[in-house]
Amino acid sequence: MSLLLRRNLSTSRLLLPASSSSSTAHLSRTHHPTTSLLLNSTSTSTSLIRKMTFVRADQPMGLKQLFDPDSCTYTYLLWDTETKDCVLVDPVDIQVERDMKEVQELGLNLVYGINTHAHADHITGTYLLKQQVPTMKSIISEASKAKADVTVQNGDRILFGNRSLKVKSTPGHTEGCVSYVADDESFVLTGDTLFIQGCGRTDFQGGSAKTLYESVHSQLFCLPKSCTVYPAHDYKSRTESTIGAEMDTNPRLGGGKTQDEFVEIMDNLNLSYPKKIDVAVPANMMCGYPTDAQ
């Protein structure tokens, strides 16, 4: 399965799986019955215009939250319940066998391995997943400057089957952090940008407390208050929150906290560095490729 990444008439882009036998001028629509494509095959840069039927409220996206106790990382398995195309978001290298077992037991087709950013506390599982599913493509933000099969920008949509995730640029924890919003805005995967009653640290990897505050308030707190928040980590066995709850009660970012108050909080956390940072970051900048094989 190959990828096509093209800019359409708006400022956003679309990522969708295409048949490996298709050319840029002729795309298989087998897995995308609600997607209409117009391709300008006479142009040197193919234009892609997408018209997609809105997802009905009674057709929720498949979602399974998986936990790695070593790094307290949540991995999210998301799938189209009709086509069975799926993605894994923030996979962990030591949990790849577990993730593949979940994919196989549910009868899913793994299309993408996606990261919210280049993590410092664990190595991403995308490289190992690609060894088991060669057609799977890895995705990370362009701003992260990390290597991946595909890099995304703010406003891009990642398509799998008839479902999609919208990319929201939410830097601050790192320069390359993004969040992924479900097509029906029922949930958002916030990575390390917004936690349940907290947020990611901002003192390394190009982090900035001011930037994180702006990201949360301009990109996440504008979502519906009922939108479920699924973070990349939790250290107190909590699994989810909502945008409304975090706006009201998050002790760092909610309850009317000003940017100056937030910056002062973050400047005084005095956290130790993640114990795996020297191994994890170099590997994650290469999509989890083993550092001893580089």
Protein backbone atom coordinates (compact mmCIF):
# COMPACT_ATOMS: atom_id res chain seq x y z
CA MET A 1 0.00 0.00 0.00
CA SER A 2 1.44 3.37 -1.00
CA LEU A 3 0.69 6.91 0.01
CA LEU A 4 -0.26 9.99 -1.88
CA LEU A 5 0.35 13.34 -0.24
CA ARG A 6 -0.96 16.29 -2.19
CA ARG A 7 -2.16 19.79 -1.41
CA ASN A 8 -5.75 20.56 -2.36
CA LEU A 9 -7.38 23.90 -3.15
CA SER A 10 -7.43 24.92 0.53
CA THR A 11 -4.43 25.24 2.83
CA SER A 12 -4.89 21.75 4.28
CA ARG A 13 -3.53 18.50 2.91
CA LEU A 14 -4.83 14.99 2.75
CA LEU A 15 -3.10 11.69 3.41
CA LEU A 16 -4.82 8.60 2.11
CA PRO A 17 -3.84 5.06 1.36
CA ALA A 18 -3.90 4.12 -2.31
CA SER A 19 -3.60 0.84 -4.14
CA SER A 20 0.02 -0.05 -4.78
CA SER A 21 -0.85 -0.65 -8.42
CA SER A 22 -2.33 2.80 -8.87
CA SER A 23 -0.61 5.71 -10.52
CA THR A 24 -1.09 9.33 -9.50
CA ALA A 25 -3.65 9.68 -12.26
CA HIS A 26 -5.69 6.56 -11.46
CA LEU A 27 -6.55 5.77 -7.86
CA SER A 28 -8.42 2.79 -6.46
CA ARG A 29 -11.51 3.85 -4.52
CA THR A 30 -12.17 0.41 -3.07
CA HIS A 31 -11.40 1.44 0.49
CA HIS A 32 -12.93 4.91 0.22
CA PRO A 33 -16.55 4.61 -0.90
CA THR A 34 -17.44 8.04 0.52
CA THR A 35 -14.45 9.78 -1.02
CA SER A 36 -14.57 11.50 -4.39
CA LEU A 37 -11.26 12.33 -6.04
CA LEU A 38 -10.58 14.74 -8.88
CA LEU A 39 -7.08 14.38 -10.26
CA ASN A 40 -5.53 16.73 -12.77
CA SER A 41 -3.25 14.30 -14.59
CA THR A 42 -2.09 16.94 -17.06
CA SER A 43 -0.46 18.99 -14.32
CA THR A 44 3.13 18.32 -13.21
CA SER A 45 1.98 18.59 -9.57
CA THR A 46 -1.17 16.51 -9.22
CA SER A 47 -4.06 18.37 -7.60
CA LEU A 48 -6.28 16.46 -5.21
CA ILE A 49 -9.77 17.64 -4.30
CA ARG A 50 -11.68 15.65 -1.73
CA LYS A 51 -15.39 15.58 -1.10
CA MET A 52 -16.30 13.31 1.80
CA THR A 53 -19.63 12.50 3.35
CA PHE A 54 -19.76 13.58 6.99
CA VAL A 55 -19.50 10.70 9.43
CA ARG A 56 -22.83 9.93 11.10
CA ALA A 57 -23.06 10.33 14.86
CA ASP A 58 -24.23 6.72 15.21
CA GLN A 59 -21.01 5.39 13.67
CA PRO A 60 -18.28 5.97 16.28
CA MET A 61 -14.68 5.30 15.38
CA GLY A 62 -13.24 2.14 16.87
CA LEU A 63 -10.87 2.98 19.72
CA LYS A 64 -8.81 0.95 22.15
CA GLN A 65 -6.51 2.52 24.75
CA LEU A 66 -3.41 0.46 25.57
CA PHE A 67 -0.97 1.14 28.43
CA ASP A 68 2.77 0.67 28.86
CA PRO A 69 3.52 0.58 32.63
CA ASP A 70 7.26 1.15 32.15
CA SER A 71 6.85 4.65 30.67
CA CYS A 72 3.19 5.23 31.65
CA THR A 73 2.49 5.73 27.94
CA TYR A 74 -0.92 5.34 26.32
CA THR A 75 -1.00 3.93 22.81
CA TYR A 76 -4.23 4.33 20.84
CA LEU A 77 -5.52 1.82 18.32
CA LEU A 78 -8.12 3.52 16.09
CA TRP A 79 -10.05 1.93 13.25
CA ASP A 80 -12.84 2.32 10.74
CA THR A 81 -15.46 -0.20 11.85
CA GLU A 82 -16.58 -0.75 8.24
CA THR A 83 -13.35 -1.05 6.24
CA LYS A 84 -11.19 -2.27 9.17
CA ASP A 85 -8.35 0.07 8.22
CA CYS A 86 -6.56 1.18 11.39
CA VAL A 87 -3.80 3.34 12.85
CA LEU A 88 -1.67 3.11 15.98
CA VAL A 89 -0.85 6.39 17.70
CA ASP A 90 2.22 6.65 19.96
CA PRO A 91 3.23 2.97 19.86
CA VAL A 92 6.00 1.82 22.24
CA ASP A 93 8.80 -0.47 21.04
CA ILE A 94 8.50 -2.99 23.88
CA GLN A 95 4.74 -3.30 23.31
CA VAL A 96 4.76 -4.04 19.57
CA GLU A 97 3.85 -7.71 20.03
CA ARG A 98 0.86 -6.69 22.16
CA ASP A 99 -0.22 -4.12 19.59
CA MET A 100 0.04 -6.55 16.69
CA LYS A 101 -1.97 -9.12 18.64
CA GLU A 102 -4.74 -6.54 19.09
CA VAL A 103 -4.69 -5.68 15.38
CA GLN A 104 -4.85 -9.32 14.34
CA GLU A 105 -7.55 -10.35 16.83
CA LEU A 106 -9.78 -7.52 15.64
CA GLY A 107 -9.13 -8.41 11.99
CA LEU A 108 -7.72 -4.96 11.19
CA ASN A 109 -5.46 -3.63 8.44
CA LEU A 110 -2.68 -1.47 9.91
CA VAL A 111 -2.17 1.52 7.63
CA TYR A 112 -0.21 4.03 9.72
CA GLY A 113 1.99 4.20 12.79
CA ILE A 114 1.67 7.75 14.07
CA ASN A 115 3.56 9.75 16.69
CA THR A 116 2.46 12.94 18.43
CA HIS A 117 6.12 13.97 18.81
CA ALA A 118 9.63 12.57 19.31
CA HIS A 119 9.24 11.16 22.82
CA ALA A 120 12.03 11.31 25.42
CA ASP A 121 10.85 8.56 27.78
CA HIS A 122 10.47 5.61 25.41
CA ILE A 123 11.37 4.52 21.90
CA THR A 124 8.56 4.56 19.37
CA GLY A 125 7.39 1.22 18.02
CA THR A 126 6.96 2.41 14.43
CA TYR A 127 10.21 0.88 13.13
CA LEU A 128 9.41 -2.54 14.62
CA LEU A 129 5.82 -2.34 13.38
CA LYS A 130 7.10 -1.72 9.86
CA GLN A 131 9.16 -4.90 10.09
CA GLN A 132 5.95 -6.85 10.71
CA VAL A 133 3.71 -4.84 8.36
CA PRO A 134 5.92 -3.57 5.49
CA THR A 135 3.01 -1.65 3.92
CA MET A 136 2.50 0.43 7.07
CA LYS A 137 3.72 4.03 6.86
CA SER A 138 5.13 6.05 9.74
CA ILE A 139 3.92 9.59 10.39
CA ILE A 140 5.25 12.45 12.51
CA SER A 141 5.08 16.23 12.27
CA GLU A 142 7.31 18.10 9.87
CA ALA A 143 8.15 20.54 12.67
CA SER A 144 9.69 17.74 14.72
CA LYS A 145 12.49 17.44 12.13
CA ALA A 146 12.35 13.69 12.71
CA LYS A 147 12.52 11.11 9.93
CA ALA A 148 9.35 9.29 8.88
CA ASP A 149 7.65 8.02 5.74
CA VAL A 150 5.30 10.99 5.87
CA THR A 151 5.48 14.28 7.76
CA VAL A 152 2.37 16.32 8.52
CA GLN A 153 1.51 19.95 9.15
CA ASN A 154 -1.23 21.84 10.93
CA GLY A 155 -4.57 21.30 9.19
CA ASP A 156 -3.62 18.05 7.44
CA ARG A 157 -6.03 15.14 7.61
CA ILE A 158 -4.88 11.54 7.95
CA LEU A 159 -7.37 9.21 6.27
CA PHE A 160 -7.88 5.53 7.08
CA GLY A 161 -10.89 3.87 5.50
CA ASN A 162 -13.73 6.37 5.75
CA ARG A 163 -12.38 7.96 8.92
CA SER A 164 -9.81 10.65 9.54
CA LEU A 165 -7.76 12.51 12.11
CA LYS A 166 -7.14 16.23 11.81
CA VAL A 167 -3.66 17.46 12.68
CA LYS A 168 -3.43 20.37 15.10
CA SER A 169 -0.03 21.93 15.71
CA THR A 170 0.41 22.15 19.49
CA PRO A 171 4.09 22.91 20.21
CA GLY A 172 5.39 23.81 23.63
CA HIS A 173 6.39 20.50 25.21
CA THR A 174 8.61 20.13 22.14
CA GLU A 175 8.82 22.17 18.95
CA GLY A 176 7.20 19.39 16.95
CA CYS A 177 4.23 18.39 19.09
CA VAL A 178 0.88 17.86 17.39
CA SER A 179 -2.54 16.70 18.56
CA TYR A 180 -4.95 14.58 16.53
CA VAL A 181 -8.68 15.36 16.49
CA ALA A 182 -11.27 12.75 15.49
CA ASP A 183 -13.28 13.58 12.38
CA ASP A 184 -16.45 14.04 14.47
CA GLU A 185 -14.59 15.96 17.22
CA SER A 186 -15.68 13.35 19.75
CA PHE A 187 -12.11 13.02 21.04
CA VAL A 188 -8.62 14.46 20.73
CA LEU A 189 -5.28 12.73 21.24
CA THR A 190 -3.24 15.42 22.97
CA GLY A 191 0.15 13.72 23.26
CA ASP A 192 2.26 15.48 25.91
CA THR A 193 0.66 18.87 25.29
CA LEU A 194 -2.32 18.41 27.60
CA PHE A 195 -2.55 15.80 30.34
CA ILE A 196 -5.38 15.00 32.72
CA GLN A 197 -5.02 17.79 35.28
CA GLY A 198 -1.60 18.74 33.96
CA CYS A 199 0.61 19.07 30.90
CA GLY A 200 3.97 18.01 29.55
CA ARG A 201 7.17 19.66 30.74
CA THR A 202 8.65 22.49 28.69
CA ASP A 203 12.35 22.53 29.62
CA PHE A 204 13.96 20.52 26.79
CA GLN A 205 13.69 19.66 23.07
CA GLY A 206 12.87 23.26 22.16
CA GLY A 207 10.10 23.45 24.74
CA SER A 208 8.50 26.73 25.74
CA ALA A 209 5.96 27.37 28.48
CA LYS A 210 4.59 30.41 26.66
CA THR A 211 4.17 28.43 23.46
CA LEU A 212 2.47 25.51 25.22
CA TYR A 213 0.00 27.86 26.89
CA GLU A 214 -0.85 29.42 23.52
CA SER A 215 -1.20 25.98 21.90
CA VAL A 216 -3.62 24.70 24.51
CA HIS A 217 -5.76 27.82 24.58
CA SER A 218 -5.88 28.42 20.83
CA GLN A 219 -5.93 24.85 19.48
CA LEU A 220 -7.46 22.62 22.17
CA PHE A 221 -9.68 24.73 24.40
CA CYS A 222 -11.59 25.78 21.27
CA LEU A 223 -12.85 22.20 20.81
CA PRO A 224 -16.31 21.20 22.11
CA LYS A 225 -16.35 20.97 25.90
CA SER A 226 -17.67 17.43 25.60
CA CYS A 227 -14.67 16.37 23.48
CA THR A 228 -12.83 13.54 25.27
CA VAL A 229 -9.16 14.18 26.04
CA TYR A 230 -6.88 11.17 25.59
CA PRO A 231 -3.30 12.02 26.65
CA ALA A 232 -0.09 10.19 25.84
CA HIS A 233 0.68 9.64 29.52
CA ASP A 234 -0.88 9.45 32.93
CA TYR A 235 0.88 8.61 36.17
CA LYS A 236 -2.19 8.16 38.41
CA SER A 237 -4.14 5.46 36.53
CA ARG A 238 -6.54 7.97 34.98
CA THR A 239 -7.63 7.23 31.43
CA GLU A 240 -9.48 10.25 30.05
CA SER A 241 -10.88 13.70 30.69
CA THR A 242 -12.82 16.27 28.67
CA ILE A 243 -11.95 19.64 27.23
CA GLY A 244 -14.54 21.24 29.49
CA ALA A 245 -13.11 19.64 32.63
CA GLU A 246 -9.58 20.72 31.77
CA MET A 247 -10.69 24.26 30.97
CA ASP A 248 -12.37 24.49 34.37
CA THR A 249 -10.07 22.59 36.69
CA ASN A 250 -6.63 21.94 35.17
CA PRO A 251 -4.36 23.37 37.90
CA ARG A 252 -1.79 24.62 35.41
CA LEU A 253 -3.82 25.72 32.40
CA GLY A 254 -7.48 25.96 33.43
CA GLY A 255 -9.59 27.95 35.80
CA GLY A 256 -8.62 31.27 34.27
CA LYS A 257 -4.86 30.83 34.76
CA THR A 258 -2.93 33.55 32.93
CA GLN A 259 0.07 32.87 30.73
CA ASP A 260 2.39 34.52 33.27
CA GLU A 261 1.03 32.32 36.05
CA PHE A 262 1.53 29.24 33.89
CA VAL A 263 5.11 30.20 33.02
CA GLU A 264 5.92 30.66 36.71
CA ILE A 265 4.49 27.22 37.52
CA MET A 266 6.52 25.55 34.76
CA ASP A 267 9.72 27.40 35.69
CA ASN A 268 9.56 25.98 39.21
CA LEU A 269 8.84 22.29 38.55
CA ASN A 270 12.51 21.28 38.98
CA LEU A 271 12.04 17.93 37.29
CA SER A 272 14.82 15.41 36.68
CA TYR A 273 15.49 14.43 33.08
CA PRO A 274 13.78 11.30 31.73
CA LYS A 275 16.10 8.35 32.36
CA LYS A 276 15.86 7.13 28.75
CA ILE A 277 16.26 10.52 27.05
CA ASP A 278 19.80 9.89 25.72
CA VAL A 279 18.65 6.70 23.99
CA ALA A 280 15.05 7.53 23.16
CA VAL A 281 15.40 10.91 21.46
CA PRO A 282 18.10 9.89 18.90
CA ALA A 283 16.12 6.73 18.07
CA ASN A 284 12.83 8.61 17.78
CA MET A 285 14.37 11.19 15.49
CA MET A 286 14.89 8.21 13.16
CA CYS A 287 11.38 6.78 13.59
CA GLY A 288 12.57 4.26 16.17
CA TYR A 289 15.35 2.87 13.96
CA PRO A 290 17.86 1.14 16.26
CA THR A 291 20.75 3.53 17.01
CA ASP A 292 23.29 0.71 16.84
CA ALA A 293 22.18 -0.01 13.24
CA GLN A 294 22.41 3.58 12.00
